[in-house]
Amino acid sequence: MDDPGQVAKAVWTMPEIVRTALTMLAVIVAVVSVLSVKNTAKKKQTADLLFNVRSDERLIRANHVLLELRESNENIRLLADPGCKGESRVQDIRYILNHYERLSVGLQEDIYHEHMLKKSQFRIITGTYDCAKPFIEGVREKTGSTTAFQEFEWLAKRWQKKPLRQRRS
């Protein structure tokens, strides 16, 4: 085996090259399949969330309460006082903020499909944040917790920086 051609032939025979190529192709197909299934699962999880939100009567009521407070010019920041915790309006505000806090964490943990959520919830989330910002600041001040509702704030500010684009006809 002094001939270099025979050495190369002994190391890589045609069946081994084909077998290696097929193995690599199978690995690539498996990776693409896993990523596709993960993306589909994320979209389904997001769709389920969006359908559940539509029928969550408490969330709908909480949204109305927050809008009424904004329109009334009442100082929503005062409702962050611990003495107001039992008040139904405060419980509703906390309910909606906790909902969006969980949603934000789900996005960060790659459970939900952000583009789908942004297309369907952009105005609601950014608007809720704008309405509730004084309450959030009040909670942070009264409790000394700088992290209260920080994930929701992160999401709202992130989306405000890059708003939805208007569709071209």
C-alpha atoms as a PDB file:
ATOM      1  CA  MET A   1       0.000   0.000   0.000  1.00  0.00           C
ATOM      2  CA  ASP A   2       2.606   2.509  -1.002  1.00  0.00           C
ATOM      3  CA  ASP A   3       0.279   4.157  -3.506  1.00  0.00           C
ATOM      4  CA  PRO A   4      -1.482   7.222  -1.962  1.00  0.00           C
ATOM      5  CA  GLY A   5      -4.638   6.478  -3.961  1.00  0.00           C
ATOM      6  CA  GLN A   6      -4.933   3.052  -2.388  1.00  0.00           C
ATOM      7  CA  VAL A   7      -4.507   4.548   1.085  1.00  0.00           C
ATOM      8  CA  ALA A   8      -7.346   7.029   0.523  1.00  0.00           C
ATOM      9  CA  LYS A   9      -9.497   4.297  -0.951  1.00  0.00           C
ATOM     10  CA  ALA A  10      -8.884   2.093   2.071  1.00  0.00           C
ATOM     11  CA  VAL A  11      -9.896   4.870   4.467  1.00  0.00           C
ATOM     12  CA  TRP A  12     -13.070   6.069   2.708  1.00  0.00           C
ATOM     13  CA  THR A  13     -14.978   3.597   0.652  1.00  0.00           C
ATOM     14  CA  MET A  14     -18.039   4.687  -1.257  1.00  0.00           C
ATOM     15  CA  PRO A  15     -20.552   2.925   1.029  1.00  0.00           C
ATOM     16  CA  GLU A  16     -19.031   4.660   4.069  1.00  0.00           C
ATOM     17  CA  ILE A  17     -19.314   8.082   2.408  1.00  0.00           C
ATOM     18  CA  VAL A  18     -22.946   7.415   1.503  1.00  0.00           C
ATOM     19  CA  ARG A  19     -23.696   6.137   5.014  1.00  0.00           C
ATOM     20  CA  THR A  20     -22.075   9.214   6.585  1.00  0.00           C
ATOM     21  CA  ALA A  21     -23.962  11.569   4.262  1.00  0.00           C
ATOM     22  CA  LEU A  22     -27.273   9.843   5.031  1.00  0.00           C
ATOM     23  CA  THR A  23     -26.580  10.032   8.757  1.00  0.00           C
ATOM     24  CA  MET A  24     -25.855  13.753   8.511  1.00  0.00           C
ATOM     25  CA  LEU A  25     -29.024  14.273   6.465  1.00  0.00           C
ATOM     26  CA  ALA A  26     -31.056  12.373   9.069  1.00  0.00           C
ATOM     27  CA  VAL A  27     -29.627  14.545  11.851  1.00  0.00           C
ATOM     28  CA  ILE A  28     -30.483  17.721   9.913  1.00  0.00           C
ATOM     29  CA  VAL A  29     -34.037  16.499   9.258  1.00  0.00           C
ATOM     30  CA  ALA A  30     -34.457  15.619  12.944  1.00  0.00           C
ATOM     31  CA  VAL A  31     -33.257  19.053  14.095  1.00  0.00           C
ATOM     32  CA  VAL A  32     -35.540  20.845  11.615  1.00  0.00           C
ATOM     33  CA  SER A  33     -38.477  18.673  12.717  1.00  0.00           C
ATOM     34  CA  VAL A  34     -37.896  19.410  16.398  1.00  0.00           C
ATOM     35  CA  LEU A  35     -37.674  23.160  15.742  1.00  0.00           C
ATOM     36  CA  SER A  36     -40.830  23.059  13.625  1.00  0.00           C
ATOM     37  CA  VAL A  37     -42.781  21.152  16.282  1.00  0.00           C
ATOM     38  CA  LYS A  38     -41.566  23.578  18.955  1.00  0.00           C
ATOM     39  CA  ASN A  39     -42.687  26.589  16.892  1.00  0.00           C
ATOM     40  CA  THR A  40     -46.079  25.005  16.206  1.00  0.00           C
ATOM     41  CA  ALA A  41     -46.534  24.217  19.908  1.00  0.00           C
ATOM     42  CA  LYS A  42     -45.669  27.817  20.791  1.00  0.00           C
ATOM     43  CA  LYS A  43     -48.255  29.112  18.323  1.00  0.00           C
ATOM     44  CA  LYS A  44     -50.892  26.742  19.691  1.00  0.00           C
ATOM     45  CA  GLN A  45     -50.101  27.785  23.249  1.00  0.00           C
ATOM     46  CA  THR A  46     -50.449  31.424  22.177  1.00  0.00           C
ATOM     47  CA  ALA A  47     -53.743  30.788  20.390  1.00  0.00           C
ATOM     48  CA  ASP A  48     -55.084  29.019  23.490  1.00  0.00           C
ATOM     49  CA  LEU A  49     -54.074  31.981  25.634  1.00  0.00           C
ATOM     50  CA  LEU A  50     -55.750  34.450  23.267  1.00  0.00           C
ATOM     51  CA  PHE A  51     -58.995  32.461  23.234  1.00  0.00           C
ATOM     52  CA  ASN A  52     -58.978  32.177  27.031  1.00  0.00           C
ATOM     53  CA  VAL A  53     -58.402  35.916  27.415  1.00  0.00           C
ATOM     54  CA  ARG A  54     -61.535  36.626  25.390  1.00  0.00           C
ATOM     55  CA  SER A  55     -63.674  34.710  27.871  1.00  0.00           C
ATOM     56  CA  ASP A  56     -61.944  35.804  31.102  1.00  0.00           C
ATOM     57  CA  GLU A  57     -64.701  37.938  32.596  1.00  0.00           C
ATOM     58  CA  ARG A  58     -62.547  39.114  35.461  1.00  0.00           C
ATOM     59  CA  LEU A  59     -59.846  40.320  33.073  1.00  0.00           C
ATOM     60  CA  ILE A  60     -62.447  42.126  30.983  1.00  0.00           C
ATOM     61  CA  ARG A  61     -63.905  43.747  34.116  1.00  0.00           C
ATOM     62  CA  ALA A  62     -60.424  44.714  35.344  1.00  0.00           C
ATOM     63  CA  ASN A  63     -59.696  46.364  32.016  1.00  0.00           C
ATOM     64  CA  HIS A  64     -62.927  48.387  32.286  1.00  0.00           C
ATOM     65  CA  VAL A  65     -62.064  49.423  35.844  1.00  0.00           C
ATOM     66  CA  LEU A  66     -58.643  50.624  34.754  1.00  0.00           C
ATOM     67  CA  LEU A  67     -60.103  52.599  31.844  1.00  0.00           C
ATOM     68  CA  GLU A  68     -62.759  54.166  34.087  1.00  0.00           C
ATOM     69  CA  LEU A  69     -60.078  55.218  36.556  1.00  0.00           C
ATOM     70  CA  ARG A  70     -58.064  56.842  33.801  1.00  0.00           C
ATOM     71  CA  GLU A  71     -61.096  58.726  32.481  1.00  0.00           C
ATOM     72  CA  SER A  72     -62.141  59.858  35.961  1.00  0.00           C
ATOM     73  CA  ASN A  73     -58.826  61.614  36.573  1.00  0.00           C
ATOM     74  CA  GLU A  74     -58.724  59.923  39.989  1.00  0.00           C
ATOM     75  CA  ASN A  75     -55.183  59.548  41.289  1.00  0.00           C
ATOM     76  CA  ILE A  76     -54.658  55.837  40.656  1.00  0.00           C
ATOM     77  CA  ARG A  77     -51.313  56.006  42.453  1.00  0.00           C
ATOM     78  CA  LEU A  78     -53.167  56.471  45.767  1.00  0.00           C
ATOM     79  CA  LEU A  79     -54.830  53.070  45.277  1.00  0.00           C
ATOM     80  CA  ALA A  80     -51.411  51.434  45.693  1.00  0.00           C
ATOM     81  CA  ASP A  81     -51.585  52.189  49.416  1.00  0.00           C
ATOM     82  CA  PRO A  82     -51.646  48.933  51.416  1.00  0.00           C
ATOM     83  CA  GLY A  83     -54.831  50.125  53.167  1.00  0.00           C
ATOM     84  CA  CYS A  84     -56.672  49.923  49.822  1.00  0.00           C
ATOM     85  CA  LYS A  85     -55.726  46.281  49.098  1.00  0.00           C
ATOM     86  CA  GLY A  86     -59.180  44.948  49.955  1.00  0.00           C
ATOM     87  CA  GLU A  87     -60.950  47.335  47.619  1.00  0.00           C
ATOM     88  CA  SER A  88     -62.408  45.566  44.579  1.00  0.00           C
ATOM     89  CA  ARG A  89     -60.956  48.106  42.127  1.00  0.00           C
ATOM     90  CA  VAL A  90     -57.470  47.508  43.526  1.00  0.00           C
ATOM     91  CA  GLN A  91     -57.938  43.750  43.294  1.00  0.00           C
ATOM     92  CA  ASP A  92     -59.023  44.159  39.666  1.00  0.00           C
ATOM     93  CA  ILE A  93     -55.987  46.309  38.859  1.00  0.00           C
ATOM     94  CA  ARG A  94     -53.692  43.766  40.465  1.00  0.00           C
ATOM     95  CA  TYR A  95     -55.447  40.969  38.577  1.00  0.00           C
ATOM     96  CA  ILE A  96     -54.817  42.551  35.180  1.00  0.00           C
ATOM     97  CA  LEU A  97     -51.231  43.482  36.068  1.00  0.00           C
ATOM     98  CA  ASN A  98     -50.502  39.966  37.319  1.00  0.00           C
ATOM     99  CA  HIS A  99     -52.025  38.548  34.137  1.00  0.00           C
ATOM    100  CA  TYR A 100     -49.697  40.601  31.948  1.00  0.00           C
ATOM    101  CA  GLU A 101     -46.768  39.873  34.247  1.00  0.00           C
ATOM    102  CA  ARG A 102     -47.306  36.112  33.694  1.00  0.00           C
ATOM    103  CA  LEU A 103     -47.745  36.652  29.964  1.00  0.00           C
ATOM    104  CA  SER A 104     -44.464  38.596  29.848  1.00  0.00           C
ATOM    105  CA  VAL A 105     -42.620  35.865  31.696  1.00  0.00           C
ATOM    106  CA  GLY A 106     -44.088  33.308  29.284  1.00  0.00           C
ATOM    107  CA  LEU A 107     -42.731  35.318  26.371  1.00  0.00           C
ATOM    108  CA  GLN A 108     -39.317  35.595  27.969  1.00  0.00           C
ATOM    109  CA  GLU A 109     -39.259  31.855  28.607  1.00  0.00           C
ATOM    110  CA  ASP A 110     -40.199  31.194  24.970  1.00  0.00           C
ATOM    111  CA  ILE A 111     -43.578  29.665  25.794  1.00  0.00           C
ATOM    112  CA  TYR A 112     -45.599  32.096  23.682  1.00  0.00           C
ATOM    113  CA  HIS A 113     -45.160  33.368  20.131  1.00  0.00           C
ATOM    114  CA  GLU A 114     -44.362  37.062  20.551  1.00  0.00           C
ATOM    115  CA  HIS A 115     -45.279  38.181  17.050  1.00  0.00           C
ATOM    116  CA  MET A 116     -48.764  36.644  17.342  1.00  0.00           C
ATOM    117  CA  LEU A 117     -49.305  38.267  20.718  1.00  0.00           C
ATOM    118  CA  LYS A 118     -48.018  41.617  19.558  1.00  0.00           C
ATOM    119  CA  LYS A 119     -50.303  41.613  16.520  1.00  0.00           C
ATOM    120  CA  SER A 120     -53.363  40.873  18.636  1.00  0.00           C
ATOM    121  CA  GLN A 121     -52.559  42.544  21.977  1.00  0.00           C
ATOM    122  CA  PHE A 122     -50.317  45.532  21.186  1.00  0.00           C
ATOM    123  CA  ARG A 123     -52.806  48.308  21.986  1.00  0.00           C
ATOM    124  CA  ILE A 124     -54.204  46.496  25.009  1.00  0.00           C
ATOM    125  CA  ILE A 125     -50.825  45.823  26.601  1.00  0.00           C
ATOM    126  CA  THR A 126     -49.245  49.196  25.877  1.00  0.00           C
ATOM    127  CA  GLY A 127     -52.463  50.998  26.823  1.00  0.00           C
ATOM    128  CA  THR A 128     -52.824  49.032  30.051  1.00  0.00           C
ATOM    129  CA  TYR A 129     -49.254  49.871  30.950  1.00  0.00           C
ATOM    130  CA  ASP A 130     -49.821  53.570  30.295  1.00  0.00           C
ATOM    131  CA  CYS A 131     -52.968  53.548  32.467  1.00  0.00           C
ATOM    132  CA  ALA A 132     -51.437  51.496  35.265  1.00  0.00           C
ATOM    133  CA  LYS A 133     -47.986  53.087  35.376  1.00  0.00           C
ATOM    134  CA  PRO A 134     -48.853  55.432  38.278  1.00  0.00           C
ATOM    135  CA  PHE A 135     -50.272  52.462  40.232  1.00  0.00           C
ATOM    136  CA  ILE A 136     -47.130  50.408  39.541  1.00  0.00           C
ATOM    137  CA  GLU A 137     -44.938  53.294  40.701  1.00  0.00           C
ATOM    138  CA  GLY A 138     -47.090  53.625  43.832  1.00  0.00           C
ATOM    139  CA  VAL A 139     -46.783  49.908  44.607  1.00  0.00           C
ATOM    140  CA  ARG A 140     -43.009  50.108  44.229  1.00  0.00           C
ATOM    141  CA  GLU A 141     -42.857  53.163  46.464  1.00  0.00           C
ATOM    142  CA  LYS A 142     -45.164  51.782  49.176  1.00  0.00           C
ATOM    143  CA  THR A 143     -43.612  48.296  49.259  1.00  0.00           C
ATOM    144  CA  GLY A 144     -40.008  49.248  48.554  1.00  0.00           C
ATOM    145  CA  SER A 145     -39.983  46.607  45.821  1.00  0.00           C
ATOM    146  CA  THR A 146     -38.357  47.873  42.642  1.00  0.00           C
ATOM    147  CA  THR A 147     -39.254  44.641  40.868  1.00  0.00           C
ATOM    148  CA  ALA A 148     -43.036  44.843  41.213  1.00  0.00           C
ATOM    149  CA  PHE A 149     -44.541  44.237  37.767  1.00  0.00           C
ATOM    150  CA  GLN A 150     -41.134  44.674  36.127  1.00  0.00           C
ATOM    151  CA  GLU A 151     -41.693  41.969  33.512  1.00  0.00           C
ATOM    152  CA  PHE A 152     -44.912  43.587  32.341  1.00  0.00           C
ATOM    153  CA  GLU A 153     -43.127  46.930  32.211  1.00  0.00           C
ATOM    154  CA  TRP A 154     -40.306  45.328  30.206  1.00  0.00           C
ATOM    155  CA  LEU A 155     -42.780  44.008  27.632  1.00  0.00           C
ATOM    156  CA  ALA A 156     -44.791  47.220  27.300  1.00  0.00           C
ATOM    157  CA  LYS A 157     -41.665  49.346  26.873  1.00  0.00           C
ATOM    158  CA  ARG A 158     -40.178  46.855  24.422  1.00  0.00           C
ATOM    159  CA  TRP A 159     -43.297  47.022  22.262  1.00  0.00           C
ATOM    160  CA  GLN A 160     -43.568  50.792  22.577  1.00  0.00           C
ATOM    161  CA  LYS A 161     -40.031  51.118  21.187  1.00  0.00           C
ATOM    162  CA  LYS A 162     -41.008  49.071  18.139  1.00  0.00           C
ATOM    163  CA  PRO A 163     -44.725  49.606  17.477  1.00  0.00           C
ATOM    164  CA  LEU A 164     -46.707  47.606  14.966  1.00  0.00           C
ATOM    165  CA  ARG A 165     -46.227  48.625  11.388  1.00  0.00           C
ATOM    166  CA  GLN A 166     -49.217  49.672   9.391  1.00  0.00           C
ATOM    167  CA  ARG A 167     -50.173  47.065   6.806  1.00  0.00           C
ATOM    168  CA  ARG A 168     -49.830  48.089   3.202  1.00  0.00           C
ATOM    169  CA  SER A 169     -52.879  47.434   1.084  1.00  0.00           C
END
